């Protein structure tokens, strides 16, 4: 069991400081307040033997899933960029084909 400060626990668990503090208050994480020079600080108790291997395995799967999502979004972005360039080309072609005739309200004359 390791005793970590809140910033170290943030890095180890991949959680925000606010989340760690909430979980300490609710009892989801174990820890204690330690008196220091500037006041009290939290020490978070983390079981380093079993939890880190599970977190690494789950984290690795999460990384793979997120990389797949990023690749999918990059492909979609490339497709959308092609569609936008095609629309610009069509708009330019339409502007060239438009005749500078009479205004629309003088259509009946």
PDB file of N, CA and C in Angstrom:
ATOM      1  N   UNK A   1       0.858  -1.173   0.000  1.00  0.00           N
ATOM      2  CA  UNK A   1       0.000   0.000   0.000  1.00  0.00           C
ATOM      3  C   UNK A   1       0.899   1.229   0.000  1.00  0.00           C
ATOM      4  N   UNK A   2       0.670   2.094  -0.977  1.00  0.00           N
ATOM      5  CA  UNK A   2       1.473   3.300  -1.095  1.00  0.00           C
ATOM      6  C   UNK A   2       0.698   4.498  -0.566  1.00  0.00           C
ATOM      7  N   UNK A   3       1.432   5.435   0.016  1.00  0.00           N
ATOM      8  CA  UNK A   3       0.852   6.698   0.475  1.00  0.00           C
ATOM      9  C   UNK A   3       1.287   7.770  -0.502  1.00  0.00           C
ATOM     10  N   UNK A   4       0.316   8.330  -1.199  1.00  0.00           N
ATOM     11  CA  UNK A   4       0.610   9.317  -2.223  1.00  0.00           C
ATOM     12  C   UNK A   4      -0.046  10.644  -1.885  1.00  0.00           C
ATOM     13  N   UNK A   5       0.581  11.723  -2.327  1.00  0.00           N
ATOM     14  CA  UNK A   5      -0.055  13.027  -2.221  1.00  0.00           C
ATOM     15  C   UNK A   5      -1.154  13.095  -3.284  1.00  0.00           C
ATOM     16  N   UNK A   6      -1.975  14.103  -3.203  1.00  0.00           N
ATOM     17  CA  UNK A   6      -3.069  14.232  -4.169  1.00  0.00           C
ATOM     18  C   UNK A   6      -2.535  14.395  -5.595  1.00  0.00           C
ATOM     19  N   UNK A   7      -1.495  15.233  -5.847  1.00  0.00           N
ATOM     20  CA  UNK A   7      -0.975  15.306  -7.219  1.00  0.00           C
ATOM     21  C   UNK A   7      -0.416  13.975  -7.725  1.00  0.00           C
ATOM     22  N   UNK A   8       0.242  13.214  -6.851  1.00  0.00           N
ATOM     23  CA  UNK A   8       0.752  11.903  -7.261  1.00  0.00           C
ATOM     24  C   UNK A   8      -0.404  10.946  -7.544  1.00  0.00           C
ATOM     25  N   UNK A   9      -1.447  11.012  -6.718  1.00  0.00           N
ATOM     26  CA  UNK A   9      -2.619  10.166  -6.934  1.00  0.00           C
ATOM     27  C   UNK A   9      -3.340  10.545  -8.218  1.00  0.00           C
ATOM     28  N   UNK A  10      -3.344  11.843  -8.538  1.00  0.00           N
ATOM     29  CA  UNK A  10      -3.947  12.290  -9.798  1.00  0.00           C
ATOM     30  C   UNK A  10      -3.256  11.617 -10.971  1.00  0.00           C
ATOM     31  N   UNK A  11      -1.944  11.607 -10.952  1.00  0.00           N
ATOM     32  CA  UNK A  11      -1.172  11.009 -12.041  1.00  0.00           C
ATOM     33  C   UNK A  11      -1.365   9.492 -12.080  1.00  0.00           C
ATOM     34  N   UNK A  12      -1.342   8.857 -10.919  1.00  0.00           N
ATOM     35  CA  UNK A  12      -1.452   7.399 -10.857  1.00  0.00           C
ATOM     36  C   UNK A  12      -2.836   6.904 -11.269  1.00  0.00           C
ATOM     37  N   UNK A  13      -3.871   7.561 -10.761  1.00  0.00           N
ATOM     38  CA  UNK A  13      -5.239   7.104 -11.013  1.00  0.00           C
ATOM     39  C   UNK A  13      -5.851   7.712 -12.268  1.00  0.00           C
ATOM     40  N   UNK A  14      -5.274   8.792 -12.773  1.00  0.00           N
ATOM     41  CA  UNK A  14      -5.831   9.441 -13.954  1.00  0.00           C
ATOM     42  C   UNK A  14      -7.120  10.183 -13.659  1.00  0.00           C
ATOM     43  N   UNK A  15      -7.226  10.719 -12.446  1.00  0.00           N
ATOM     44  CA  UNK A  15      -8.418  11.461 -12.033  1.00  0.00           C
ATOM     45  C   UNK A  15      -8.037  12.899 -11.737  1.00  0.00           C
ATOM     46  N   UNK A  16      -9.020  13.772 -11.702  1.00  0.00           N
ATOM     47  CA  UNK A  16      -8.749  15.165 -11.362  1.00  0.00           C
ATOM     48  C   UNK A  16      -8.620  15.311  -9.848  1.00  0.00           C
ATOM     49  N   UNK A  17      -8.062  16.446  -9.438  1.00  0.00           N
ATOM     50  CA  UNK A  17      -7.883  16.716  -8.021  1.00  0.00           C
ATOM     51  C   UNK A  17      -9.234  16.787  -7.312  1.00  0.00           C
ATOM     52  N   UNK A  18     -10.199  17.418  -7.948  1.00  0.00           N
ATOM     53  CA  UNK A  18     -11.525  17.531  -7.337  1.00  0.00           C
ATOM     54  C   UNK A  18     -12.168  16.155  -7.142  1.00  0.00           C
ATOM     55  N   UNK A  19     -11.993  15.272  -8.124  1.00  0.00           N
ATOM     56  CA  UNK A  19     -12.570  13.927  -8.026  1.00  0.00           C
ATOM     57  C   UNK A  19     -11.920  13.151  -6.890  1.00  0.00           C
ATOM     58  N   UNK A  20     -10.603  13.263  -6.761  1.00  0.00           N
ATOM     59  CA  UNK A  20      -9.917  12.553  -5.677  1.00  0.00           C
ATOM     60  C   UNK A  20     -10.389  13.075  -4.329  1.00  0.00           C
ATOM     61  N   UNK A  21     -10.534  14.401  -4.200  1.00  0.00           N
ATOM     62  CA  UNK A  21     -11.004  14.958  -2.928  1.00  0.00           C
ATOM     63  C   UNK A  21     -12.436  14.509  -2.615  1.00  0.00           C
ATOM     64  N   UNK A  22     -13.299  14.463  -3.632  1.00  0.00           N
ATOM     65  CA  UNK A  22     -14.672  14.001  -3.418  1.00  0.00           C
ATOM     66  C   UNK A  22     -14.690  12.544  -2.977  1.00  0.00           C
ATOM     67  N   UNK A  23     -13.858  11.721  -3.618  1.00  0.00           N
ATOM     68  CA  UNK A  23     -13.827  10.303  -3.260  1.00  0.00           C
ATOM     69  C   UNK A  23     -13.221  10.078  -1.886  1.00  0.00           C
ATOM     70  N   UNK A  24     -12.291  10.923  -1.484  1.00  0.00           N
ATOM     71  CA  UNK A  24     -11.766  10.829  -0.121  1.00  0.00           C
ATOM     72  C   UNK A  24     -12.851  11.166   0.892  1.00  0.00           C
ATOM     73  N   UNK A  25     -13.635  12.230   0.611  1.00  0.00           N
ATOM     74  CA  UNK A  25     -14.709  12.619   1.530  1.00  0.00           C
ATOM     75  C   UNK A  25     -15.810  11.564   1.599  1.00  0.00           C
ATOM     76  N   UNK A  26     -16.124  10.953   0.444  1.00  0.00           N
ATOM     77  CA  UNK A  26     -17.207   9.967   0.428  1.00  0.00           C
ATOM     78  C   UNK A  26     -16.759   8.596   0.935  1.00  0.00           C
ATOM     79  N   UNK A  27     -15.452   8.369   1.027  1.00  0.00           N
ATOM     80  CA  UNK A  27     -14.951   7.086   1.509  1.00  0.00           C
ATOM     81  C   UNK A  27     -14.629   6.102   0.404  1.00  0.00           C
ATOM     82  N   UNK A  28     -14.774   6.504  -0.858  1.00  0.00           N
ATOM     83  CA  UNK A  28     -14.428   5.615  -1.965  1.00  0.00           C
ATOM     84  C   UNK A  28     -12.917   5.394  -2.047  1.00  0.00           C
ATOM     85  N   UNK A  29     -12.151   6.401  -1.667  1.00  0.00           N
ATOM     86  CA  UNK A  29     -10.695   6.272  -1.563  1.00  0.00           C
ATOM     87  C   UNK A  29     -10.317   6.377  -0.094  1.00  0.00           C
ATOM     88  N   UNK A  30      -9.305   5.631   0.293  1.00  0.00           N
ATOM     89  CA  UNK A  30      -8.827   5.682   1.670  1.00  0.00           C
ATOM     90  C   UNK A  30      -7.667   6.656   1.746  1.00  0.00           C
ATOM     91  N   UNK A  31      -7.622   7.411   2.839  1.00  0.00           N
ATOM     92  CA  UNK A  31      -6.544   8.359   3.033  1.00  0.00           C
ATOM     93  C   UNK A  31      -6.630   8.969   4.412  1.00  0.00           C
ATOM     94  N   UNK A  32      -5.664   9.831   4.694  1.00  0.00           N
ATOM     95  CA  UNK A  32      -5.674  10.519   5.974  1.00  0.00           C
ATOM     96  C   UNK A  32      -5.085  11.905   5.804  1.00  0.00           C
ATOM     97  N   UNK A  33      -5.484  12.805   6.702  1.00  0.00           N
ATOM     98  CA  UNK A  33      -4.916  14.145   6.711  1.00  0.00           C
ATOM     99  C   UNK A  33      -3.658  14.104   7.568  1.00  0.00           C
ATOM    100  N   UNK A  34      -2.601  14.732   7.045  1.00  0.00           N
ATOM    101  CA  UNK A  34      -1.331  14.783   7.758  1.00  0.00           C
ATOM    102  C   UNK A  34      -0.983  16.248   7.982  1.00  0.00           C
ATOM    103  N   UNK A  35      -0.573  16.566   9.204  1.00  0.00           N
ATOM    104  CA  UNK A  35      -0.229  17.951   9.511  1.00  0.00           C
ATOM    105  C   UNK A  35       1.139  18.265   8.921  1.00  0.00           C
ATOM    106  N   UNK A  36       1.196  19.395   8.211  1.00  0.00           N
ATOM    107  CA  UNK A  36       2.446  19.838   7.610  1.00  0.00           C
ATOM    108  C   UNK A  36       2.766  21.253   8.029  1.00  0.00           C
ATOM    109  N   UNK A  37       3.765  21.822   7.379  1.00  0.00           N
ATOM    110  CA  UNK A  37       4.213  23.169   7.736  1.00  0.00           C
ATOM    111  C   UNK A  37       3.149  24.215   7.434  1.00  0.00           C
ATOM    112  N   UNK A  38       2.452  24.067   6.302  1.00  0.00           N
ATOM    113  CA  UNK A  38       1.461  25.066   5.903  1.00  0.00           C
ATOM    114  C   UNK A  38       0.057  24.709   6.299  1.00  0.00           C
ATOM    115  N   UNK A  39      -0.131  23.654   7.024  1.00  0.00           N
ATOM    116  CA  UNK A  39      -1.473  23.207   7.393  1.00  0.00           C
ATOM    117  C   UNK A  39      -1.580  21.710   7.200  1.00  0.00           C
ATOM    118  N   UNK A  40      -2.760  21.249   6.847  1.00  0.00           N
ATOM    119  CA  UNK A  40      -2.972  19.824   6.639  1.00  0.00           C
ATOM    120  C   UNK A  40      -2.897  19.490   5.152  1.00  0.00           C
ATOM    121  N   UNK A  41      -2.479  18.288   4.846  1.00  0.00           N
ATOM    122  CA  UNK A  41      -2.501  17.783   3.477  1.00  0.00           C
ATOM    123  C   UNK A  41      -2.980  16.336   3.527  1.00  0.00           C
ATOM    124  N   UNK A  42      -3.511  15.880   2.415  1.00  0.00           N
ATOM    125  CA  UNK A  42      -4.030  14.524   2.333  1.00  0.00           C
ATOM    126  C   UNK A  42      -2.946  13.568   1.857  1.00  0.00           C
ATOM    127  N   UNK A  43      -2.933  12.385   2.430  1.00  0.00           N
ATOM    128  CA  UNK A  43      -2.178  11.260   1.899  1.00  0.00           C
ATOM    129  C   UNK A  43      -3.203  10.220   1.462  1.00  0.00           C
ATOM    130  N   UNK A  44      -3.109   9.807   0.210  1.00  0.00           N
ATOM    131  CA  UNK A  44      -4.060   8.863  -0.357  1.00  0.00           C
ATOM    132  C   UNK A  44      -3.422   7.483  -0.320  1.00  0.00           C
ATOM    133  N   UNK A  45      -4.160   6.498   0.191  1.00  0.00           N
ATOM    134  CA  UNK A  45      -3.662   5.126   0.246  1.00  0.00           C
ATOM    135  C   UNK A  45      -4.081   4.404  -1.025  1.00  0.00           C
ATOM    136  N   UNK A  46      -3.091   3.909  -1.772  1.00  0.00           N
ATOM    137  CA  UNK A  46      -3.363   3.191  -3.015  1.00  0.00           C
ATOM    138  C   UNK A  46      -2.638   1.862  -2.968  1.00  0.00           C
ATOM    139  N   UNK A  47      -3.376   0.792  -3.251  1.00  0.00           N
ATOM    140  CA  UNK A  47      -2.779  -0.536  -3.321  1.00  0.00           C
ATOM    141  C   UNK A  47      -2.058  -0.655  -4.657  1.00  0.00           C
ATOM    142  N   UNK A  48      -0.745  -0.675  -4.646  1.00  0.00           N
ATOM    143  CA  UNK A  48       0.038  -0.660  -5.881  1.00  0.00           C
ATOM    144  C   UNK A  48       0.218  -2.033  -6.496  1.00  0.00           C
ATOM    145  N   UNK A  49      -0.037  -3.102  -5.758  1.00  0.00           N
ATOM    146  CA  UNK A  49       0.216  -4.444  -6.288  1.00  0.00           C
ATOM    147  C   UNK A  49      -0.828  -4.887  -7.293  1.00  0.00           C
ATOM    148  N   UNK A  50      -2.109  -4.828  -6.921  1.00  0.00           N
ATOM    149  CA  UNK A  50      -3.158  -5.372  -7.778  1.00  0.00           C
ATOM    150  C   UNK A  50      -3.798  -4.314  -8.668  1.00  0.00           C
ATOM    151  N   UNK A  51      -4.041  -3.131  -8.132  1.00  0.00           N
ATOM    152  CA  UNK A  51      -4.804  -2.119  -8.858  1.00  0.00           C
ATOM    153  C   UNK A  51      -4.080  -1.583 -10.081  1.00  0.00           C
ATOM    154  N   UNK A  52      -2.766  -1.441 -10.020  1.00  0.00           N
ATOM    155  CA  UNK A  52      -2.066  -0.845 -11.155  1.00  0.00           C
ATOM    156  C   UNK A  52      -2.052  -1.774 -12.354  1.00  0.00           C
ATOM    157  N   UNK A  53      -1.957  -3.085 -12.125  1.00  0.00           N
ATOM    158  CA  UNK A  53      -1.965  -3.994 -13.275  1.00  0.00           C
ATOM    159  C   UNK A  53      -3.331  -3.991 -13.936  1.00  0.00           C
ATOM    160  N   UNK A  54      -4.404  -3.963 -13.135  1.00  0.00           N
ATOM    161  CA  UNK A  54      -5.742  -3.881 -13.717  1.00  0.00           C
ATOM    162  C   UNK A  54      -5.947  -2.550 -14.413  1.00  0.00           C
ATOM    163  N   UNK A  55      -5.477  -1.473 -13.795  1.00  0.00           N
ATOM    164  CA  UNK A  55      -5.632  -0.157 -14.406  1.00  0.00           C
ATOM    165  C   UNK A  55      -4.836  -0.070 -15.699  1.00  0.00           C
ATOM    166  N   UNK A  56      -3.641  -0.663 -15.735  1.00  0.00           N
ATOM    167  CA  UNK A  56      -2.851  -0.637 -16.960  1.00  0.00           C
ATOM    168  C   UNK A  56      -3.534  -1.426 -18.062  1.00  0.00           C
ATOM    169  N   UNK A  57      -4.105  -2.587 -17.715  1.00  0.00           N
ATOM    170  CA  UNK A  57      -4.799  -3.383 -18.732  1.00  0.00           C
ATOM    171  C   UNK A  57      -6.022  -2.634 -19.250  1.00  0.00           C
ATOM    172  N   UNK A  58      -6.803  -2.075 -18.352  1.00  0.00           N
ATOM    173  CA  UNK A  58      -7.978  -1.305 -18.775  1.00  0.00           C
ATOM    174  C   UNK A  58      -7.563  -0.035 -19.494  1.00  0.00           C
ATOM    175  N   UNK A  59      -6.512   0.607 -19.017  1.00  0.00           N
ATOM    176  CA  UNK A  59      -6.024   1.807 -19.663  1.00  0.00           C
ATOM    177  C   UNK A  59      -5.510   1.517 -21.059  1.00  0.00           C
ATOM    178  N   UNK A  60      -4.842   0.381 -21.240  1.00  0.00           N
ATOM    179  CA  UNK A  60      -4.351   0.006 -22.563  1.00  0.00           C
ATOM    180  C   UNK A  60      -5.489  -0.220 -23.537  1.00  0.00           C
ATOM    181  N   UNK A  61      -6.545  -0.886 -23.072  1.00  0.00           N
ATOM    182  CA  UNK A  61      -7.711  -1.105 -23.924  1.00  0.00           C
ATOM    183  C   UNK A  61      -8.388   0.224 -24.252  1.00  0.00           C
ATOM    184  N   UNK A  62      -8.419   1.111 -23.280  1.00  0.00           N
ATOM    185  CA  UNK A  62      -9.018   2.424 -23.501  1.00  0.00           C
ATOM    186  C   UNK A  62      -8.210   3.220 -24.528  1.00  0.00           C
ATOM    187  N   UNK A  63      -6.902   3.132 -24.438  1.00  0.00           N
ATOM    188  CA  UNK A  63      -6.054   3.843 -25.391  1.00  0.00           C
ATOM    189  C   UNK A  63      -6.286   3.323 -26.806  1.00  0.00           C
ATOM    190  N   UNK A  64      -6.393   2.009 -26.954  1.00  0.00           N
ATOM    191  CA  UNK A  64      -6.634   1.422 -28.271  1.00  0.00           C
ATOM    192  C   UNK A  64      -7.978   1.886 -28.820  1.00  0.00           C
ATOM    193  N   UNK A  65      -9.003   1.890 -27.962  1.00  0.00           N
ATOM    194  CA  UNK A  65     -10.328   2.335 -28.400  1.00  0.00           C
ATOM    195  C   UNK A  65     -10.318   3.803 -28.799  1.00  0.00           C
ATOM    196  N   UNK A  66      -9.642   4.634 -28.008  1.00  0.00           N
ATOM    197  CA  UNK A  66      -9.589   6.060 -28.329  1.00  0.00           C
ATOM    198  C   UNK A  66      -8.804   6.321 -29.603  1.00  0.00           C
ATOM    199  N   UNK A  67      -7.737   5.576 -29.849  1.00  0.00           N
ATOM    200  CA  UNK A  67      -6.981   5.735 -31.092  1.00  0.00           C
ATOM    201  C   UNK A  67      -7.838   5.358 -32.293  1.00  0.00           C
ATOM    202  N   UNK A  68      -8.649   4.301 -32.153  1.00  0.00           N
ATOM    203  CA  UNK A  68      -9.545   3.908 -33.240  1.00  0.00           C
ATOM    204  C   UNK A  68     -10.572   5.013 -33.509  1.00  0.00           C
ATOM    205  N   UNK A  69     -11.100   5.613 -32.447  1.00  0.00           N
ATOM    206  CA  UNK A  69     -12.058   6.706 -32.619  1.00  0.00           C
ATOM    207  C   UNK A  69     -11.417   7.903 -33.296  1.00  0.00           C
ATOM    208  N   UNK A  70     -10.182   8.221 -32.908  1.00  0.00           N
ATOM    209  CA  UNK A  70      -9.486   9.353 -33.514  1.00  0.00           C
ATOM    210  C   UNK A  70      -9.268   9.094 -35.001  1.00  0.00           C
ATOM    211  N   UNK A  71      -8.850   7.874 -35.355  1.00  0.00           N
ATOM    212  CA  UNK A  71      -8.658   7.542 -36.770  1.00  0.00           C
ATOM    213  C   UNK A  71      -9.955   7.673 -37.551  1.00  0.00           C
ATOM    214  N   UNK A  72     -11.059   7.205 -36.965  1.00  0.00           N
ATOM    215  CA  UNK A  72     -12.360   7.311 -37.609  1.00  0.00           C
ATOM    216  C   UNK A  72     -12.740   8.774 -37.824  1.00  0.00           C
ATOM    217  N   UNK A  73     -12.515   9.605 -36.814  1.00  0.00           N
ATOM    218  CA  UNK A  73     -12.847  11.024 -36.937  1.00  0.00           C
ATOM    219  C   UNK A  73     -11.952  11.725 -37.959  1.00  0.00           C
ATOM    220  N   UNK A  74     -10.693  11.317 -38.040  1.00  0.00           N
ATOM    221  CA  UNK A  74      -9.804  11.904 -39.048  1.00  0.00           C
ATOM    222  C   UNK A  74     -10.277  11.557 -40.457  1.00  0.00           C
ATOM    223  N   UNK A  75     -10.738  10.318 -40.660  1.00  0.00           N
ATOM    224  CA  UNK A  75     -11.278   9.918 -41.958  1.00  0.00           C
ATOM    225  C   UNK A  75     -12.516  10.743 -42.307  1.00  0.00           C
ATOM    226  N   UNK A  76     -13.406  10.927 -41.327  1.00  0.00           N
ATOM    227  CA  UNK A  76     -14.605  11.725 -41.558  1.00  0.00           C
ATOM    228  C   UNK A  76     -14.250  13.172 -41.874  1.00  0.00           C
ATOM    229  N   UNK A  77     -13.244  13.699 -41.194  1.00  0.00           N
ATOM    230  CA  UNK A  77     -12.809  15.068 -41.444  1.00  0.00           C
ATOM    231  C   UNK A  77     -12.259  15.222 -42.856  1.00  0.00           C
ATOM    232  N   UNK A  78     -11.514  14.230 -43.330  1.00  0.00           N
ATOM    233  CA  UNK A  78     -10.985  14.264 -44.691  1.00  0.00           C
ATOM    234  C   UNK A  78     -12.122  14.250 -45.711  1.00  0.00           C
ATOM    235  N   UNK A  79     -13.133  13.423 -45.463  1.00  0.00           N
ATOM    236  CA  UNK A  79     -14.285  13.359 -46.362  1.00  0.00           C
ATOM    237  C   UNK A  79     -15.008  14.706 -46.393  1.00  0.00           C
ATOM    238  N   UNK A  80     -15.220  15.309 -45.195  1.00  0.00           N
ATOM    239  CA  UNK A  80     -15.918  16.596 -45.128  1.00  0.00           C
ATOM    240  C   UNK A  80     -15.119  17.690 -45.828  1.00  0.00           C
ATOM    241  N   UNK A  81     -13.806  17.660 -45.718  1.00  0.00           N
ATOM    242  CA  UNK A  81     -12.977  18.664 -46.389  1.00  0.00           C
ATOM    243  C   UNK A  81     -13.124  18.542 -47.903  1.00  0.00           C
ATOM    244  N   UNK A  82     -13.201  17.314 -48.421  1.00  0.00           N
ATOM    245  CA  UNK A  82     -13.428  17.105 -49.849  1.00  0.00           C
ATOM    246  C   UNK A  82     -14.784  17.622 -50.281  1.00  0.00           C
ATOM    247  N   UNK A  83     -15.799  17.381 -49.457  1.00  0.00           N
ATOM    248  CA  UNK A  83     -17.133  17.876 -49.775  1.00  0.00           C
ATOM    249  C   UNK A  83     -17.169  19.398 -49.793  1.00  0.00           C
ATOM    250  N   UNK A  84     -16.486  20.025 -48.862  1.00  0.00           N
ATOM    251  CA  UNK A  84     -16.462  21.489 -48.813  1.00  0.00           C
ATOM    252  C   UNK A  84     -15.770  22.053 -50.037  1.00  0.00           C
ATOM    253  N   UNK A  85     -14.655  21.449 -50.446  1.00  0.00           N
ATOM    254  CA  UNK A  85     -13.961  21.961 -51.634  1.00  0.00           C
ATOM    255  C   UNK A  85     -14.825  21.782 -52.884  1.00  0.00           C
ATOM    256  N   UNK A  86     -15.579  20.694 -52.958  1.00  0.00           N
ATOM    257  CA  UNK A  86     -16.492  20.484 -54.088  1.00  0.00           C
ATOM    258  C   UNK A  86     -17.600  21.544 -54.079  1.00  0.00           C
ATOM    259  N   UNK A  87     -18.132  21.869 -52.921  1.00  0.00           N
ATOM    260  CA  UNK A  87     -19.153  22.913 -52.823  1.00  0.00           C
ATOM    261  C   UNK A  87     -18.602  24.271 -53.252  1.00  0.00           C
ATOM    262  N   UNK A  88     -17.389  24.584 -52.852  1.00  0.00           N
ATOM    263  CA  UNK A  88     -16.776  25.841 -53.279  1.00  0.00           C
ATOM    264  C   UNK A  88     -16.622  25.885 -54.800  1.00  0.00           C
ATOM    265  N   UNK A  89     -16.230  24.767 -55.382  1.00  0.00           N
ATOM    266  CA  UNK A  89     -16.080  24.709 -56.825  1.00  0.00           C
ATOM    267  C   UNK A  89     -17.419  24.929 -57.515  1.00  0.00           C
ATOM    268  N   UNK A  90     -18.473  24.290 -57.013  1.00  0.00           N
ATOM    269  CA  UNK A  90     -19.805  24.454 -57.596  1.00  0.00           C
ATOM    270  C   UNK A  90     -20.323  25.889 -57.438  1.00  0.00           C
ATOM    271  N   UNK A  91     -20.070  26.495 -56.282  1.00  0.00           N
ATOM    272  CA  UNK A  91     -20.493  27.883 -56.094  1.00  0.00           C
ATOM    273  C   UNK A  91     -19.778  28.825 -57.044  1.00  0.00           C
ATOM    274  N   UNK A  92     -18.498  28.603 -57.237  1.00  0.00           N
ATOM    275  CA  UNK A  92     -17.751  29.450 -58.172  1.00  0.00           C
ATOM    276  C   UNK A  92     -18.263  29.260 -59.591  1.00  0.00           C
ATOM    277  N   UNK A  93     -18.574  28.029 -59.968  1.00  0.00           N
ATOM    278  CA  UNK A  93     -19.096  27.748 -61.305  1.00  0.00           C
ATOM    279  C   UNK A  93     -20.466  28.398 -61.486  1.00  0.00           C
ATOM    280  N   UNK A  94     -21.304  28.338 -60.479  1.00  0.00           N
ATOM    281  CA  UNK A  94     -22.623  28.950 -60.537  1.00  0.00           C
ATOM    282  C   UNK A  94     -22.509  30.467 -60.649  1.00  0.00           C
ATOM    283  N   UNK A  95     -21.577  31.061 -59.935  1.00  0.00           N
ATOM    284  CA  UNK A  95     -21.399  32.507 -60.004  1.00  0.00           C
ATOM    285  C   UNK A  95     -20.934  32.931 -61.386  1.00  0.00           C
ATOM    286  N   UNK A  96     -20.113  32.117 -62.042  1.00  0.00           N
ATOM    287  CA  UNK A  96     -19.662  32.449 -63.388  1.00  0.00           C
ATOM    288  C   UNK A  96     -20.780  32.306 -64.416  1.00  0.00           C
ATOM    289  N   UNK A  97     -21.676  31.356 -64.202  1.00  0.00           N
ATOM    290  CA  UNK A  97     -22.754  31.106 -65.148  1.00  0.00           C
ATOM    291  C   UNK A  97     -23.917  32.079 -64.993  1.00  0.00           C
ATOM    292  N   UNK A  98     -23.971  32.781 -63.880  1.00  0.00           N
ATOM    293  CA  UNK A  98     -25.088  33.703 -63.651  1.00  0.00           C
ATOM    294  C   UNK A  98     -24.939  34.913 -64.572  1.00  0.00           C
ATOM    295  N   UNK A  99     -26.007  35.192 -65.297  1.00  0.00           N
ATOM    296  CA  UNK A  99     -25.990  36.335 -66.224  1.00  0.00           C
ATOM    297  C   UNK A  99     -26.317  37.610 -65.468  1.00  0.00           C
ATOM    298  N   UNK A 100     -25.648  38.724 -65.819  1.00  0.00           N
ATOM    299  CA  UNK A 100     -25.941  39.983 -65.127  1.00  0.00           C
ATOM    300  C   UNK A 100     -27.173  40.655 -65.725  1.00  0.00           C
ATOM    301  N   UNK A 101     -28.289  39.943 -65.752  1.00  0.00           N
ATOM    302  CA  UNK A 101     -29.517  40.457 -66.367  1.00  0.00           C
ATOM    303  C   UNK A 101     -30.240  41.421 -65.475  1.00  0.00           C
ATOM    304  N   UNK A 102     -31.527  41.518 -65.710  1.00  0.00           N
ATOM    305  CA  UNK A 102     -32.368  42.427 -64.951  1.00  0.00           C
ATOM    306  C   UNK A 102     -32.548  41.904 -63.528  1.00  0.00           C
ATOM    307  N   UNK A 103     -32.879  42.790 -62.602  1.00  0.00           N
ATOM    308  CA  UNK A 103     -33.196  42.340 -61.233  1.00  0.00           C
ATOM    309  C   UNK A 103     -34.459  41.485 -61.240  1.00  0.00           C
ATOM    310  N   UNK A 104     -34.615  40.657 -60.250  1.00  0.00           N
ATOM    311  CA  UNK A 104     -35.732  39.715 -60.207  1.00  0.00           C
ATOM    312  C   UNK A 104     -37.085  40.401 -60.170  1.00  0.00           C
ATOM    313  N   UNK A 105     -37.164  41.616 -59.604  1.00  0.00           N
ATOM    314  CA  UNK A 105     -38.462  42.279 -59.518  1.00  0.00           C
ATOM    315  C   UNK A 105     -38.899  42.877 -60.859  1.00  0.00           C
ATOM    316  N   UNK A 106     -38.017  42.917 -61.846  1.00  0.00           N
ATOM    317  CA  UNK A 106     -38.372  43.418 -63.158  1.00  0.00           C
ATOM    318  C   UNK A 106     -38.559  42.246 -64.131  1.00  0.00           C
ATOM    319  N   UNK A 107     -38.897  41.119 -63.613  1.00  0.00           N
ATOM    320  CA  UNK A 107     -39.048  39.910 -64.418  1.00  0.00           C
ATOM    321  C   UNK A 107     -40.145  40.032 -65.474  1.00  0.00           C
ATOM    322  N   UNK A 108     -41.265  40.681 -65.136  1.00  0.00           N
ATOM    323  CA  UNK A 108     -42.432  40.729 -66.033  1.00  0.00           C
ATOM    324  C   UNK A 108     -42.296  41.752 -67.141  1.00  0.00           C
ATOM    325  N   UNK A 109     -41.315  42.581 -67.172  1.00  0.00           N
ATOM    326  CA  UNK A 109     -41.172  43.615 -68.200  1.00  0.00           C
ATOM    327  C   UNK A 109     -40.505  43.102 -69.426  1.00  0.00           C
TER     328      UNK A 109
END
